[in-house]
């Protein structure tokens, strides 16, 4: 893996975690 794809991979992972966190918060608000 070259440096650029490593960085892109890291961003994708962070972005995915952020989306999951937001999604879980929305689910909690809907079910609460």
Protein backbone atom coordinates (compact mmCIF):
# COMPACT_ATOMS: atom_id res chain seq x y z
CA UNK A 1 0.00 0.00 0.00
CA UNK A 2 1.45 3.36 -0.91
CA UNK A 3 1.25 6.35 1.38
CA UNK A 4 -1.73 7.95 -0.34
CA UNK A 5 -3.96 4.91 -0.22
CA UNK A 6 -3.02 4.44 3.43
CA UNK A 7 -4.27 7.95 4.16
CA UNK A 8 -7.42 7.41 2.12
CA UNK A 9 -8.06 4.13 3.92
CA UNK A 10 -7.68 5.86 7.28
CA UNK A 11 -10.11 8.61 6.29
CA UNK A 12 -12.64 6.05 5.10
CA UNK A 13 -12.39 4.21 8.41
CA UNK A 14 -12.83 7.40 10.45
CA UNK A 15 -15.74 8.47 8.26
CA UNK A 16 -17.41 5.08 8.71
CA UNK A 17 -17.05 5.27 12.49
CA UNK A 18 -18.54 8.76 12.51
CA UNK A 19 -21.51 7.66 10.41
CA UNK A 20 -22.13 4.71 12.73
CA UNK A 21 -22.03 6.94 15.81
CA UNK A 22 -24.52 9.38 14.31
CA UNK A 23 -26.74 6.52 13.17
CA UNK A 24 -26.78 4.92 16.63
CA UNK A 25 -27.65 8.27 18.23
CA UNK A 26 -30.57 8.69 15.82
CA UNK A 27 -31.80 5.17 16.56
CA UNK A 28 -31.71 5.89 20.29
CA UNK A 29 -33.70 9.09 19.85
CA UNK A 30 -36.30 7.34 17.69
CA UNK A 31 -36.79 4.41 20.06
CA UNK A 32 -36.66 6.63 23.16
